[in-house]
Amino acid sequence: MNVDKLINDAIKGYDEYRKRCKLIEKEAQKYIDFDEGVSCEYVIGTGLSLSIVIPVNHTFRECVCPVVGFFEYAKGKDKLSVDDIKKLSL
């Protein structure tokens, strides 16, 4: 087993994961009618998820939504409100 190759493959795989997450973040941002921040990350037990920061004047500042559920809900909609995001949140 070539450990150097395993390490390099893991680094390349992670880089590809981050690039794809950035693309998902950009796509998700198109559906959000406020601009506080969106990040894409893998959450153990949930899978690929969006972490969405919501405006200060709401009860909590961050919602975590599974990516698949987010885009299924957003399909056919122009923008999602803070209340929409809260409904999708874990």
PDB file of N, CA and C in Angstrom:
ATOM      1  N   MET A   1       0.845  -1.180   0.000  1.00  0.00           N
ATOM      2  CA  MET A   1       0.000   0.000   0.000  1.00  0.00           C
ATOM      3  C   MET A   1       0.890   1.243   0.000  1.00  0.00           C
ATOM      4  N   ASN A   2       0.636   2.143  -0.914  1.00  0.00           N
ATOM      5  CA  ASN A   2       1.413   3.363  -1.029  1.00  0.00           C
ATOM      6  C   ASN A   2       0.720   4.481  -0.233  1.00  0.00           C
ATOM      7  N   VAL A   3       1.268   4.775   0.926  1.00  0.00           N
ATOM      8  CA  VAL A   3       0.672   5.760   1.827  1.00  0.00           C
ATOM      9  C   VAL A   3       0.671   7.156   1.202  1.00  0.00           C
ATOM     10  N   ASP A   4       1.735   7.499   0.496  1.00  0.00           N
ATOM     11  CA  ASP A   4       1.797   8.822  -0.134  1.00  0.00           C
ATOM     12  C   ASP A   4       0.652   9.005  -1.138  1.00  0.00           C
ATOM     13  N   LYS A   5       0.374   7.970  -1.910  1.00  0.00           N
ATOM     14  CA  LYS A   5      -0.718   8.043  -2.880  1.00  0.00           C
ATOM     15  C   LYS A   5      -2.060   8.181  -2.158  1.00  0.00           C
ATOM     16  N   LEU A   6      -2.247   7.429  -1.073  1.00  0.00           N
ATOM     17  CA  LEU A   6      -3.483   7.542  -0.295  1.00  0.00           C
ATOM     18  C   LEU A   6      -3.692   8.960   0.242  1.00  0.00           C
ATOM     19  N   ILE A   7      -2.620   9.542   0.737  1.00  0.00           N
ATOM     20  CA  ILE A   7      -2.687  10.908   1.273  1.00  0.00           C
ATOM     21  C   ILE A   7      -3.031  11.894   0.166  1.00  0.00           C
ATOM     22  N   ASN A   8      -2.343  11.782  -0.957  1.00  0.00           N
ATOM     23  CA  ASN A   8      -2.603  12.688  -2.086  1.00  0.00           C
ATOM     24  C   ASN A   8      -4.026  12.536  -2.605  1.00  0.00           C
ATOM     25  N   ASP A   9      -4.497  11.304  -2.694  1.00  0.00           N
ATOM     26  CA  ASP A   9      -5.871  11.060  -3.143  1.00  0.00           C
ATOM     27  C   ASP A   9      -6.885  11.677  -2.180  1.00  0.00           C
ATOM     28  N   ALA A  10      -6.610  11.563  -0.895  1.00  0.00           N
ATOM     29  CA  ALA A  10      -7.503  12.142   0.116  1.00  0.00           C
ATOM     30  C   ALA A  10      -7.529  13.668  -0.009  1.00  0.00           C
ATOM     31  N   ILE A  11      -6.387  14.272  -0.215  1.00  0.00           N
ATOM     32  CA  ILE A  11      -6.307  15.735  -0.378  1.00  0.00           C
ATOM     33  C   ILE A  11      -7.070  16.161  -1.629  1.00  0.00           C
ATOM     34  N   LYS A  12      -6.867  15.456  -2.727  1.00  0.00           N
ATOM     35  CA  LYS A  12      -7.583  15.784  -3.973  1.00  0.00           C
ATOM     36  C   LYS A  12      -9.088  15.616  -3.784  1.00  0.00           C
ATOM     37  N   GLY A  13      -9.473  14.545  -3.106  1.00  0.00           N
ATOM     38  CA  GLY A  13     -10.888  14.302  -2.851  1.00  0.00           C
ATOM     39  C   GLY A  13     -11.505  15.421  -2.014  1.00  0.00           C
ATOM     40  N   TYR A  14     -10.782  15.872  -0.997  1.00  0.00           N
ATOM     41  CA  TYR A  14     -11.280  16.943  -0.148  1.00  0.00           C
ATOM     42  C   TYR A  14     -11.391  18.252  -0.929  1.00  0.00           C
ATOM     43  N   ASP A  15     -10.379  18.516  -1.757  1.00  0.00           N
ATOM     44  CA  ASP A  15     -10.418  19.731  -2.585  1.00  0.00           C
ATOM     45  C   ASP A  15     -11.636  19.718  -3.511  1.00  0.00           C
ATOM     46  N   GLU A  16     -11.929  18.567  -4.091  1.00  0.00           N
ATOM     47  CA  GLU A  16     -13.085  18.430  -4.976  1.00  0.00           C
ATOM     48  C   GLU A  16     -14.385  18.625  -4.185  1.00  0.00           C
ATOM     49  N   TYR A  17     -14.448  18.060  -3.002  1.00  0.00           N
ATOM     50  CA  TYR A  17     -15.606  18.230  -2.116  1.00  0.00           C
ATOM     51  C   TYR A  17     -15.845  19.714  -1.828  1.00  0.00           C
ATOM     52  N   ARG A  18     -14.792  20.445  -1.478  1.00  0.00           N
ATOM     53  CA  ARG A  18     -14.919  21.875  -1.166  1.00  0.00           C
ATOM     54  C   ARG A  18     -15.380  22.662  -2.396  1.00  0.00           C
ATOM     55  N   LYS A  19     -14.847  22.336  -3.569  1.00  0.00           N
ATOM     56  CA  LYS A  19     -15.262  23.032  -4.797  1.00  0.00           C
ATOM     57  C   LYS A  19     -16.758  22.823  -5.046  1.00  0.00           C
ATOM     58  N   ARG A  20     -17.205  21.594  -4.879  1.00  0.00           N
ATOM     59  CA  ARG A  20     -18.625  21.288  -5.106  1.00  0.00           C
ATOM     60  C   ARG A  20     -19.500  21.965  -4.053  1.00  0.00           C
ATOM     61  N   CYS A  21     -19.023  22.009  -2.825  1.00  0.00           N
ATOM     62  CA  CYS A  21     -19.778  22.703  -1.774  1.00  0.00           C
ATOM     63  C   CYS A  21     -19.918  24.187  -2.104  1.00  0.00           C
ATOM     64  N   LYS A  22     -18.877  24.792  -2.626  1.00  0.00           N
ATOM     65  CA  LYS A  22     -18.936  26.211  -3.011  1.00  0.00           C
ATOM     66  C   LYS A  22     -20.002  26.425  -4.082  1.00  0.00           C
ATOM     67  N   LEU A  23     -20.095  25.502  -5.035  1.00  0.00           N
ATOM     68  CA  LEU A  23     -21.110  25.603  -6.086  1.00  0.00           C
ATOM     69  C   LEU A  23     -22.520  25.459  -5.496  1.00  0.00           C
ATOM     70  N   ILE A  24     -22.683  24.549  -4.549  1.00  0.00           N
ATOM     71  CA  ILE A  24     -23.978  24.370  -3.879  1.00  0.00           C
ATOM     72  C   ILE A  24     -24.337  25.624  -3.090  1.00  0.00           C
ATOM     73  N   GLU A  25     -23.364  26.218  -2.403  1.00  0.00           N
ATOM     74  CA  GLU A  25     -23.596  27.456  -1.653  1.00  0.00           C
ATOM     75  C   GLU A  25     -24.092  28.566  -2.573  1.00  0.00           C
ATOM     76  N   LYS A  26     -23.436  28.724  -3.717  1.00  0.00           N
ATOM     77  CA  LYS A  26     -23.837  29.752  -4.686  1.00  0.00           C
ATOM     78  C   LYS A  26     -25.268  29.529  -5.165  1.00  0.00           C
ATOM     79  N   GLU A  27     -25.599  28.280  -5.465  1.00  0.00           N
ATOM     80  CA  GLU A  27     -26.939  27.954  -5.942  1.00  0.00           C
ATOM     81  C   GLU A  27     -27.976  28.223  -4.854  1.00  0.00           C
ATOM     82  N   ALA A  28     -27.670  27.842  -3.612  1.00  0.00           N
ATOM     83  CA  ALA A  28     -28.597  28.059  -2.493  1.00  0.00           C
ATOM     84  C   ALA A  28     -28.824  29.546  -2.245  1.00  0.00           C
ATOM     85  N   GLN A  29     -27.780  30.338  -2.388  1.00  0.00           N
ATOM     86  CA  GLN A  29     -27.877  31.779  -2.136  1.00  0.00           C
ATOM     87  C   GLN A  29     -28.898  32.437  -3.074  1.00  0.00           C
ATOM     88  N   LYS A  30     -29.109  31.859  -4.232  1.00  0.00           N
ATOM     89  CA  LYS A  30     -30.086  32.402  -5.189  1.00  0.00           C
ATOM     90  C   LYS A  30     -31.510  32.351  -4.641  1.00  0.00           C
ATOM     91  N   TYR A  31     -31.773  31.449  -3.713  1.00  0.00           N
ATOM     92  CA  TYR A  31     -33.120  31.267  -3.168  1.00  0.00           C
ATOM     93  C   TYR A  31     -33.356  32.000  -1.854  1.00  0.00           C
ATOM     94  N   ILE A  32     -32.351  32.658  -1.349  1.00  0.00           N
ATOM     95  CA  ILE A  32     -32.458  33.286  -0.031  1.00  0.00           C
ATOM     96  C   ILE A  32     -32.652  34.787  -0.197  1.00  0.00           C
ATOM     97  N   ASP A  33     -33.701  35.321   0.413  1.00  0.00           N
ATOM     98  CA  ASP A  33     -34.023  36.738   0.226  1.00  0.00           C
ATOM     99  C   ASP A  33     -33.346  37.654   1.252  1.00  0.00           C
ATOM    100  N   PHE A  34     -32.352  37.158   1.911  1.00  0.00           N
ATOM    101  CA  PHE A  34     -31.528  37.954   2.816  1.00  0.00           C
ATOM    102  C   PHE A  34     -30.101  37.487   2.603  1.00  0.00           C
ATOM    103  N   ASP A  35     -29.152  38.302   2.944  1.00  0.00           N
ATOM    104  CA  ASP A  35     -27.775  37.961   2.597  1.00  0.00           C
ATOM    105  C   ASP A  35     -26.885  37.936   3.825  1.00  0.00           C
ATOM    106  N   GLU A  36     -27.092  36.981   4.672  1.00  0.00           N
ATOM    107  CA  GLU A  36     -26.303  36.880   5.895  1.00  0.00           C
ATOM    108  C   GLU A  36     -25.198  35.828   5.793  1.00  0.00           C
ATOM    109  N   GLY A  37     -25.324  34.864   4.916  1.00  0.00           N
ATOM    110  CA  GLY A  37     -24.283  33.856   4.744  1.00  0.00           C
ATOM    111  C   GLY A  37     -24.825  32.443   4.662  1.00  0.00           C
ATOM    112  N   VAL A  38     -24.238  31.676   3.762  1.00  0.00           N
ATOM    113  CA  VAL A  38     -24.607  30.281   3.559  1.00  0.00           C
ATOM    114  C   VAL A  38     -23.323  29.478   3.439  1.00  0.00           C
ATOM    115  N   SER A  39     -23.263  28.334   4.119  1.00  0.00           N
ATOM    116  CA  SER A  39     -22.121  27.437   3.932  1.00  0.00           C
ATOM    117  C   SER A  39     -22.649  26.012   3.786  1.00  0.00           C
ATOM    118  N   CYS A  40     -21.893  25.213   3.077  1.00  0.00           N
ATOM    119  CA  CYS A  40     -22.253  23.834   2.823  1.00  0.00           C
ATOM    120  C   CYS A  40     -21.233  22.949   3.521  1.00  0.00           C
ATOM    121  N   GLU A  41     -21.718  21.967   4.260  1.00  0.00           N
ATOM    122  CA  GLU A  41     -20.811  21.078   4.972  1.00  0.00           C
ATOM    123  C   GLU A  41     -21.479  19.739   5.239  1.00  0.00           C
ATOM    124  N   TYR A  42     -20.697  18.744   5.504  1.00  0.00           N
ATOM    125  CA  TYR A  42     -21.221  17.424   5.827  1.00  0.00           C
ATOM    126  C   TYR A  42     -21.476  17.362   7.326  1.00  0.00           C
ATOM    127  N   VAL A  43     -22.698  17.013   7.713  1.00  0.00           N
ATOM    128  CA  VAL A  43     -23.068  16.890   9.117  1.00  0.00           C
ATOM    129  C   VAL A  43     -23.323  15.410   9.404  1.00  0.00           C
ATOM    130  N   ILE A  44     -22.597  14.877  10.354  1.00  0.00           N
ATOM    131  CA  ILE A  44     -22.753  13.467  10.705  1.00  0.00           C
ATOM    132  C   ILE A  44     -24.201  13.201  11.122  1.00  0.00           C
ATOM    133  N   GLY A  45     -24.773  12.158  10.584  1.00  0.00           N
ATOM    134  CA  GLY A  45     -26.142  11.789  10.900  1.00  0.00           C
ATOM    135  C   GLY A  45     -27.185  12.476  10.032  1.00  0.00           C
ATOM    136  N   THR A  46     -26.786  13.511   9.314  1.00  0.00           N
ATOM    137  CA  THR A  46     -27.708  14.259   8.464  1.00  0.00           C
ATOM    138  C   THR A  46     -27.279  14.221   7.008  1.00  0.00           C
ATOM    139  N   GLY A  47     -25.988  14.259   6.794  1.00  0.00           N
ATOM    140  CA  GLY A  47     -25.458  14.290   5.435  1.00  0.00           C
ATOM    141  C   GLY A  47     -25.103  15.700   5.028  1.00  0.00           C
ATOM    142  N   LEU A  48     -25.018  15.916   3.746  1.00  0.00           N
ATOM    143  CA  LEU A  48     -24.652  17.220   3.218  1.00  0.00           C
ATOM    144  C   LEU A  48     -25.736  18.231   3.589  1.00  0.00           C
ATOM    145  N   SER A  49     -25.329  19.327   4.208  1.00  0.00           N
ATOM    146  CA  SER A  49     -26.279  20.304   4.740  1.00  0.00           C
ATOM    147  C   SER A  49     -25.831  21.722   4.459  1.00  0.00           C
ATOM    148  N   LEU A  50     -26.790  22.629   4.524  1.00  0.00           N
ATOM    149  CA  LEU A  50     -26.515  24.053   4.413  1.00  0.00           C
ATOM    150  C   LEU A  50     -26.646  24.676   5.791  1.00  0.00           C
ATOM    151  N   SER A  51     -25.675  25.452   6.155  1.00  0.00           N
ATOM    152  CA  SER A  51     -25.736  26.233   7.376  1.00  0.00           C
ATOM    153  C   SER A  51     -26.052  27.662   6.932  1.00  0.00           C
ATOM    154  N   ILE A  52     -27.202  28.169   7.358  1.00  0.00           N
ATOM    155  CA  ILE A  52     -27.678  29.466   6.886  1.00  0.00           C
ATOM    156  C   ILE A  52     -27.793  30.419   8.062  1.00  0.00           C
ATOM    157  N   VAL A  53     -27.078  31.536   7.985  1.00  0.00           N
ATOM    158  CA  VAL A  53     -27.129  32.556   9.025  1.00  0.00           C
ATOM    159  C   VAL A  53     -28.302  33.469   8.705  1.00  0.00           C
ATOM    160  N   ILE A  54     -29.154  33.684   9.693  1.00  0.00           N
ATOM    161  CA  ILE A  54     -30.333  34.518   9.480  1.00  0.00           C
ATOM    162  C   ILE A  54     -30.166  35.861  10.187  1.00  0.00           C
ATOM    163  N   PRO A  55     -30.967  36.856   9.813  1.00  0.00           N
ATOM    164  CA  PRO A  55     -30.817  38.199  10.386  1.00  0.00           C
ATOM    165  C   PRO A  55     -30.919  38.222  11.913  1.00  0.00           C
ATOM    166  N   VAL A  56     -30.294  39.205  12.496  1.00  0.00           N
ATOM    167  CA  VAL A  56     -30.168  39.361  13.948  1.00  0.00           C
ATOM    168  C   VAL A  56     -31.513  39.434  14.667  1.00  0.00           C
ATOM    169  N   ASN A  57     -32.517  40.023  14.074  1.00  0.00           N
ATOM    170  CA  ASN A  57     -33.782  40.255  14.776  1.00  0.00           C
ATOM    171  C   ASN A  57     -34.669  39.010  14.877  1.00  0.00           C
ATOM    172  N   HIS A  58     -34.111  37.832  14.673  1.00  0.00           N
ATOM    173  CA  HIS A  58     -34.871  36.586  14.811  1.00  0.00           C
ATOM    174  C   HIS A  58     -34.374  35.794  16.015  1.00  0.00           C
ATOM    175  N   THR A  59     -35.162  34.804  16.415  1.00  0.00           N
ATOM    176  CA  THR A  59     -34.885  34.052  17.643  1.00  0.00           C
ATOM    177  C   THR A  59     -33.520  33.377  17.660  1.00  0.00           C
ATOM    178  N   PHE A  60     -33.136  32.796  16.565  1.00  0.00           N
ATOM    179  CA  PHE A  60     -31.816  32.175  16.520  1.00  0.00           C
ATOM    180  C   PHE A  60     -31.098  32.598  15.260  1.00  0.00           C
ATOM    181  N   ARG A  61     -29.801  32.496  15.280  1.00  0.00           N
ATOM    182  CA  ARG A  61     -28.972  33.075  14.226  1.00  0.00           C
ATOM    183  C   ARG A  61     -28.570  32.107  13.122  1.00  0.00           C
ATOM    184  N   GLU A  62     -28.727  30.812  13.352  1.00  0.00           N
ATOM    185  CA  GLU A  62     -28.258  29.876  12.347  1.00  0.00           C
ATOM    186  C   GLU A  62     -29.212  28.694  12.230  1.00  0.00           C
ATOM    187  N   CYS A  63     -29.459  28.301  10.995  1.00  0.00           N
ATOM    188  CA  CYS A  63     -30.291  27.136  10.723  1.00  0.00           C
ATOM    189  C   CYS A  63     -29.475  26.150   9.896  1.00  0.00           C
ATOM    190  N   VAL A  64     -29.641  24.876  10.179  1.00  0.00           N
ATOM    191  CA  VAL A  64     -28.978  23.832   9.402  1.00  0.00           C
ATOM    192  C   VAL A  64     -30.065  23.061   8.668  1.00  0.00           C
ATOM    193  N   CYS A  65     -29.949  23.034   7.347  1.00  0.00           N
ATOM    194  CA  CYS A  65     -30.948  22.384   6.497  1.00  0.00           C
ATOM    195  C   CYS A  65     -30.275  21.336   5.624  1.00  0.00           C
ATOM    196  N   PRO A  66     -30.815  20.133   5.551  1.00  0.00           N
ATOM    197  CA  PRO A  66     -30.287  19.148   4.613  1.00  0.00           C
ATOM    198  C   PRO A  66     -30.377  19.692   3.186  1.00  0.00           C
ATOM    199  N   VAL A  67     -29.333  19.503   2.410  1.00  0.00           N
ATOM    200  CA  VAL A  67     -29.255  20.045   1.057  1.00  0.00           C
ATOM    201  C   VAL A  67     -30.412  19.558   0.179  1.00  0.00           C
ATOM    202  N   VAL A  68     -30.672  18.274   0.196  1.00  0.00           N
ATOM    203  CA  VAL A  68     -31.724  17.720  -0.665  1.00  0.00           C
ATOM    204  C   VAL A  68     -33.083  18.340  -0.317  1.00  0.00           C
ATOM    205  N   GLY A  69     -33.409  18.396   0.956  1.00  0.00           N
ATOM    206  CA  GLY A  69     -34.673  18.986   1.386  1.00  0.00           C
ATOM    207  C   GLY A  69     -34.777  20.462   1.015  1.00  0.00           C
ATOM    208  N   PHE A  70     -33.682  21.178   1.153  1.00  0.00           N
ATOM    209  CA  PHE A  70     -33.663  22.605   0.821  1.00  0.00           C
ATOM    210  C   PHE A  70     -34.029  22.816  -0.643  1.00  0.00           C
ATOM    211  N   PHE A  71     -33.347  22.093  -1.529  1.00  0.00           N
ATOM    212  CA  PHE A  71     -33.584  22.305  -2.957  1.00  0.00           C
ATOM    213  C   PHE A  71     -34.924  21.737  -3.414  1.00  0.00           C
ATOM    214  N   GLU A  72     -35.411  20.673  -2.781  1.00  0.00           N
ATOM    215  CA  GLU A  72     -36.748  20.173  -3.113  1.00  0.00           C
ATOM    216  C   GLU A  72     -37.799  21.215  -2.730  1.00  0.00           C
ATOM    217  N   TYR A  73     -37.644  21.822  -1.564  1.00  0.00           N
ATOM    218  CA  TYR A  73     -38.584  22.845  -1.104  1.00  0.00           C
ATOM    219  C   TYR A  73     -38.498  24.098  -1.986  1.00  0.00           C
ATOM    220  N   ALA A  74     -37.297  24.464  -2.395  1.00  0.00           N
ATOM    221  CA  ALA A  74     -37.084  25.686  -3.168  1.00  0.00           C
ATOM    222  C   ALA A  74     -37.552  25.554  -4.619  1.00  0.00           C
ATOM    223  N   LYS A  75     -37.655  24.318  -5.092  1.00  0.00           N
ATOM    224  CA  LYS A  75     -38.049  24.085  -6.483  1.00  0.00           C
ATOM    225  C   LYS A  75     -39.377  24.784  -6.784  1.00  0.00           C
ATOM    226  N   GLY A  76     -39.374  25.597  -7.830  1.00  0.00           N
ATOM    227  CA  GLY A  76     -40.586  26.303  -8.232  1.00  0.00           C
ATOM    228  C   GLY A  76     -40.832  27.600  -7.477  1.00  0.00           C
ATOM    229  N   LYS A  77     -39.998  27.898  -6.505  1.00  0.00           N
ATOM    230  CA  LYS A  77     -40.154  29.147  -5.752  1.00  0.00           C
ATOM    231  C   LYS A  77     -39.100  30.152  -6.232  1.00  0.00           C
ATOM    232  N   ASP A  78     -39.416  31.406  -6.071  1.00  0.00           N
ATOM    233  CA  ASP A  78     -38.480  32.459  -6.456  1.00  0.00           C
ATOM    234  C   ASP A  78     -37.437  32.658  -5.357  1.00  0.00           C
ATOM    235  N   LYS A  79     -37.909  32.927  -4.156  1.00  0.00           N
ATOM    236  CA  LYS A  79     -37.044  33.150  -2.992  1.00  0.00           C
ATOM    237  C   LYS A  79     -37.641  32.467  -1.775  1.00  0.00           C
ATOM    238  N   LEU A  80     -36.802  32.164  -0.796  1.00  0.00           N
ATOM    239  CA  LEU A  80     -37.256  31.600   0.475  1.00  0.00           C
ATOM    240  C   LEU A  80     -37.111  32.659   1.557  1.00  0.00           C
ATOM    241  N   SER A  81     -38.082  32.727   2.432  1.00  0.00           N
ATOM    242  CA  SER A  81     -38.041  33.691   3.542  1.00  0.00           C
ATOM    243  C   SER A  81     -37.346  33.060   4.748  1.00  0.00           C
ATOM    244  N   VAL A  82     -37.138  33.859   5.769  1.00  0.00           N
ATOM    245  CA  VAL A  82     -36.578  33.362   7.022  1.00  0.00           C
ATOM    246  C   VAL A  82     -37.486  32.265   7.594  1.00  0.00           C
ATOM    247  N   ASP A  83     -38.797  32.466   7.520  1.00  0.00           N
ATOM    248  CA  ASP A  83     -39.738  31.452   8.028  1.00  0.00           C
ATOM    249  C   ASP A  83     -39.626  30.153   7.253  1.00  0.00           C
ATOM    250  N   ASP A  84     -39.435  30.237   5.943  1.00  0.00           N
ATOM    251  CA  ASP A  84     -39.228  29.025   5.136  1.00  0.00           C
ATOM    252  C   ASP A  84     -37.988  28.281   5.614  1.00  0.00           C
ATOM    253  N   ILE A  85     -36.920  29.014   5.828  1.00  0.00           N
ATOM    254  CA  ILE A  85     -35.653  28.409   6.266  1.00  0.00           C
ATOM    255  C   ILE A  85     -35.844  27.747   7.633  1.00  0.00           C
ATOM    256  N   LYS A  86     -36.554  28.407   8.526  1.00  0.00           N
ATOM    257  CA  LYS A  86     -36.797  27.824   9.857  1.00  0.00           C
ATOM    258  C   LYS A  86     -37.575  26.515   9.752  1.00  0.00           C
ATOM    259  N   LYS A  87     -38.547  26.456   8.836  1.00  0.00           N
ATOM    260  CA  LYS A  87     -39.327  25.215   8.644  1.00  0.00           C
ATOM    261  C   LYS A  87     -38.432  24.063   8.185  1.00  0.00           C
ATOM    262  N   LEU A  88     -37.438  24.384   7.387  1.00  0.00           N
ATOM    263  CA  LEU A  88     -36.545  23.340   6.848  1.00  0.00           C
ATOM    264  C   LEU A  88     -35.446  22.948   7.820  1.00  0.00           C
ATOM    265  N   SER A  89     -35.243  23.781   8.825  1.00  0.00           N
ATOM    266  CA  SER A  89     -34.128  23.587   9.759  1.00  0.00           C
ATOM    267  C   SER A  89     -34.297  22.334  10.610  1.00  0.00           C
ATOM    268  N   LEU A  90     -33.161  21.721  10.921  1.00  0.00           N
ATOM    269  CA  LEU A  90     -33.181  20.521  11.790  1.00  0.00           C
ATOM    270  C   LEU A  90     -33.472  20.891  13.221  1.00  0.00           C
TER     271      LEU A  90
END
